[in-house]
């Protein structure tokens, strides 16, 4: 049950970032966008690890690493 909540929160964070970017309310080069993606991907990756979903671990792990790089790039 806990990992279902974690995965829902992660999905919501990513969808908020994506929706706001598509509506022109949030640029992809902002800290907010990158942080939403970072934590969203991390939460989904944790849930995938708990469920041993290897394809999703690869997807969300890569998403998290890419978002981590985006955060680093935007914040420096």
N, C-alpha and C. Protein backbone atom coordinates (compact mmCIF):
# COMPACT_ATOMS: atom_id res chain seq x y z
N UNK A 1 0.82 -1.20 0.00
CA UNK A 1 0.00 0.00 0.00
C UNK A 1 0.87 1.27 0.00
N UNK A 2 1.92 1.25 0.80
CA UNK A 2 2.80 2.42 0.89
C UNK A 2 3.44 2.72 -0.46
N UNK A 3 3.89 1.68 -1.17
CA UNK A 3 4.55 1.90 -2.45
C UNK A 3 3.56 2.35 -3.53
N UNK A 4 2.29 2.00 -3.37
CA UNK A 4 1.27 2.52 -4.29
C UNK A 4 1.14 4.03 -4.12
N UNK A 5 1.16 4.48 -2.87
CA UNK A 5 1.07 5.92 -2.60
C UNK A 5 2.31 6.63 -3.13
N UNK A 6 3.47 6.04 -2.88
CA UNK A 6 4.73 6.62 -3.37
C UNK A 6 4.71 6.73 -4.90
N UNK A 7 4.24 5.68 -5.57
CA UNK A 7 4.21 5.73 -7.03
C UNK A 7 3.19 6.74 -7.54
N UNK A 8 2.06 6.87 -6.87
CA UNK A 8 1.07 7.87 -7.28
C UNK A 8 1.62 9.29 -7.11
N UNK A 9 2.28 9.54 -6.00
CA UNK A 9 2.87 10.87 -5.78
C UNK A 9 3.93 11.14 -6.85
N UNK A 10 4.76 10.16 -7.16
CA UNK A 10 5.77 10.34 -8.20
C UNK A 10 5.16 10.64 -9.55
N UNK A 11 4.13 9.90 -9.91
CA UNK A 11 3.46 10.15 -11.19
C UNK A 11 2.83 11.53 -11.24
N UNK A 12 2.22 11.93 -10.14
CA UNK A 12 1.59 13.25 -10.08
C UNK A 12 2.63 14.36 -10.23
N UNK A 13 3.79 14.21 -9.59
CA UNK A 13 4.84 15.22 -9.72
C UNK A 13 5.30 15.37 -11.17
N UNK A 14 5.53 14.24 -11.83
CA UNK A 14 5.97 14.29 -13.22
C UNK A 14 4.89 14.88 -14.11
N UNK A 15 3.64 14.50 -13.87
CA UNK A 15 2.55 15.03 -14.69
C UNK A 15 2.32 16.52 -14.47
N UNK A 16 2.52 16.99 -13.25
CA UNK A 16 2.41 18.42 -12.99
C UNK A 16 3.47 19.18 -13.78
N UNK A 17 4.71 18.68 -13.73
CA UNK A 17 5.79 19.34 -14.47
C UNK A 17 5.50 19.33 -15.97
N UNK A 18 5.10 18.20 -16.48
CA UNK A 18 4.83 18.08 -17.91
C UNK A 18 3.66 18.97 -18.34
N UNK A 19 2.58 18.90 -17.58
CA UNK A 19 1.40 19.70 -17.91
C UNK A 19 1.69 21.19 -17.86
N UNK A 20 2.40 21.61 -16.83
CA UNK A 20 2.73 23.04 -16.71
C UNK A 20 3.65 23.49 -17.84
N UNK A 21 4.56 22.63 -18.25
CA UNK A 21 5.44 22.98 -19.35
C UNK A 21 4.66 23.05 -20.66
N UNK A 22 3.76 22.13 -20.89
CA UNK A 22 2.97 22.13 -22.12
C UNK A 22 2.03 23.34 -22.20
N UNK A 23 1.55 23.78 -21.05
CA UNK A 23 0.66 24.95 -21.01
C UNK A 23 1.41 26.27 -21.02
N UNK A 24 2.73 26.20 -21.03
CA UNK A 24 3.55 27.41 -21.07
C UNK A 24 3.66 28.11 -19.73
N UNK A 25 3.36 27.42 -18.66
CA UNK A 25 3.43 28.02 -17.32
C UNK A 25 4.74 27.73 -16.60
N UNK A 26 5.53 26.80 -17.16
CA UNK A 26 6.78 26.41 -16.52
C UNK A 26 7.77 26.00 -17.60
N UNK A 27 8.90 26.67 -17.63
CA UNK A 27 9.93 26.33 -18.63
C UNK A 27 10.74 25.13 -18.14
N UNK A 28 11.19 24.32 -19.08
CA UNK A 28 11.98 23.14 -18.74
C UNK A 28 13.33 23.50 -18.14
N UNK A 29 13.76 24.72 -18.31
CA UNK A 29 15.06 25.15 -17.78
C UNK A 29 14.98 25.70 -16.37
N UNK A 30 13.86 25.54 -15.71
CA UNK A 30 13.71 26.07 -14.35
C UNK A 30 14.02 25.01 -13.30
N UNK A 31 14.38 25.49 -12.13
CA UNK A 31 14.64 24.58 -11.01
C UNK A 31 13.39 23.78 -10.65
N UNK A 32 12.26 24.45 -10.64
CA UNK A 32 11.00 23.79 -10.25
C UNK A 32 10.71 22.60 -11.16
N UNK A 33 10.82 22.80 -12.45
CA UNK A 33 10.56 21.73 -13.41
C UNK A 33 11.51 20.55 -13.17
N UNK A 34 12.78 20.85 -13.03
CA UNK A 34 13.77 19.80 -12.85
C UNK A 34 13.59 19.06 -11.52
N UNK A 35 13.27 19.80 -10.47
CA UNK A 35 13.08 19.16 -9.16
C UNK A 35 11.83 18.29 -9.15
N UNK A 36 10.74 18.76 -9.78
CA UNK A 36 9.53 17.93 -9.88
C UNK A 36 9.85 16.62 -10.60
N UNK A 37 10.59 16.70 -11.69
CA UNK A 37 10.97 15.50 -12.43
C UNK A 37 11.91 14.60 -11.63
N UNK A 38 12.84 15.20 -10.92
CA UNK A 38 13.79 14.43 -10.12
C UNK A 38 13.07 13.61 -9.05
N UNK A 39 12.24 14.28 -8.27
CA UNK A 39 11.55 13.55 -7.19
C UNK A 39 10.48 12.61 -7.72
N UNK A 40 9.81 13.02 -8.79
CA UNK A 40 8.83 12.12 -9.40
C UNK A 40 9.47 10.84 -9.89
N UNK A 41 10.58 10.97 -10.60
CA UNK A 41 11.30 9.80 -11.09
C UNK A 41 11.85 8.94 -9.96
N UNK A 42 12.37 9.60 -8.94
CA UNK A 42 12.92 8.87 -7.79
C UNK A 42 11.84 8.07 -7.08
N UNK A 43 10.69 8.68 -6.84
CA UNK A 43 9.59 7.98 -6.17
C UNK A 43 9.12 6.79 -7.00
N UNK A 44 8.99 6.99 -8.30
CA UNK A 44 8.57 5.88 -9.17
C UNK A 44 9.63 4.79 -9.23
N UNK A 45 10.89 5.16 -9.20
CA UNK A 45 11.96 4.17 -9.21
C UNK A 45 11.95 3.33 -7.93
N UNK A 46 11.74 3.99 -6.81
CA UNK A 46 11.66 3.27 -5.53
C UNK A 46 10.51 2.27 -5.55
N UNK A 47 9.36 2.69 -6.06
CA UNK A 47 8.21 1.80 -6.14
C UNK A 47 8.49 0.64 -7.09
N UNK A 48 9.20 0.90 -8.19
CA UNK A 48 9.54 -0.16 -9.15
C UNK A 48 10.51 -1.16 -8.54
N UNK A 49 11.46 -0.67 -7.75
CA UNK A 49 12.40 -1.57 -7.07
C UNK A 49 11.65 -2.47 -6.09
N UNK A 50 10.72 -1.89 -5.35
CA UNK A 50 9.95 -2.68 -4.38
C UNK A 50 9.13 -3.76 -5.07
N UNK A 51 8.66 -3.48 -6.28
CA UNK A 51 7.84 -4.44 -7.01
C UNK A 51 8.67 -5.32 -7.95
N UNK A 52 9.98 -5.11 -7.99
CA UNK A 52 10.89 -5.85 -8.88
C UNK A 52 10.44 -5.78 -10.34
N UNK A 53 10.11 -4.58 -10.77
CA UNK A 53 9.72 -4.32 -12.15
C UNK A 53 10.94 -3.76 -12.89
N UNK A 54 11.72 -4.65 -13.47
CA UNK A 54 13.03 -4.28 -13.99
C UNK A 54 12.97 -3.28 -15.14
N UNK A 55 11.99 -3.39 -15.99
CA UNK A 55 11.84 -2.42 -17.07
C UNK A 55 11.57 -1.03 -16.53
N UNK A 56 10.72 -0.95 -15.52
CA UNK A 56 10.42 0.35 -14.92
C UNK A 56 11.58 0.87 -14.07
N UNK A 57 12.35 -0.04 -13.49
CA UNK A 57 13.55 0.39 -12.77
C UNK A 57 14.51 1.06 -13.75
N UNK A 58 14.69 0.46 -14.91
CA UNK A 58 15.56 1.04 -15.93
C UNK A 58 15.01 2.40 -16.38
N UNK A 59 13.73 2.45 -16.69
CA UNK A 59 13.12 3.69 -17.16
C UNK A 59 13.20 4.80 -16.12
N UNK A 60 12.73 4.53 -14.93
CA UNK A 60 12.67 5.56 -13.90
C UNK A 60 14.04 5.87 -13.31
N UNK A 61 14.94 4.88 -13.28
CA UNK A 61 16.30 5.15 -12.85
C UNK A 61 17.00 6.10 -13.81
N UNK A 62 16.81 5.84 -15.11
CA UNK A 62 17.38 6.73 -16.12
C UNK A 62 16.76 8.11 -16.04
N UNK A 63 15.44 8.17 -15.84
CA UNK A 63 14.73 9.45 -15.69
C UNK A 63 15.30 10.23 -14.51
N UNK A 64 15.54 9.55 -13.41
CA UNK A 64 16.06 10.20 -12.21
C UNK A 64 17.47 10.73 -12.44
N UNK A 65 18.31 9.93 -13.07
CA UNK A 65 19.68 10.37 -13.35
C UNK A 65 19.67 11.57 -14.29
N UNK A 66 18.87 11.50 -15.35
CA UNK A 66 18.78 12.61 -16.29
C UNK A 66 18.25 13.87 -15.61
N UNK A 67 17.26 13.72 -14.76
CA UNK A 67 16.72 14.86 -14.03
C UNK A 67 17.71 15.40 -13.01
N UNK A 68 18.49 14.51 -12.41
CA UNK A 68 19.54 14.96 -11.50
C UNK A 68 20.56 15.81 -12.23
N UNK A 69 20.93 15.38 -13.44
CA UNK A 69 21.84 16.18 -14.26
C UNK A 69 21.21 17.52 -14.62
N UNK A 70 19.92 17.49 -14.96
CA UNK A 70 19.20 18.74 -15.27
C UNK A 70 19.18 19.68 -14.08
N UNK A 71 18.96 19.15 -12.89
CA UNK A 71 18.99 19.99 -11.67
C UNK A 71 20.37 20.59 -11.48
N UNK A 72 21.39 19.78 -11.63
CA UNK A 72 22.76 20.27 -11.45
C UNK A 72 23.06 21.37 -12.46
N UNK A 73 22.66 21.15 -13.71
CA UNK A 73 22.93 22.12 -14.77
C UNK A 73 22.21 23.44 -14.53
N UNK A 74 20.97 23.38 -14.10
CA UNK A 74 20.17 24.58 -13.86
C UNK A 74 20.66 25.33 -12.62
N UNK A 75 21.13 24.62 -11.61
CA UNK A 75 21.49 25.26 -10.34
C UNK A 75 22.91 25.80 -10.30
N UNK A 76 23.72 25.48 -11.29
CA UNK A 76 25.09 26.01 -11.25
C UNK A 76 25.24 27.27 -12.03
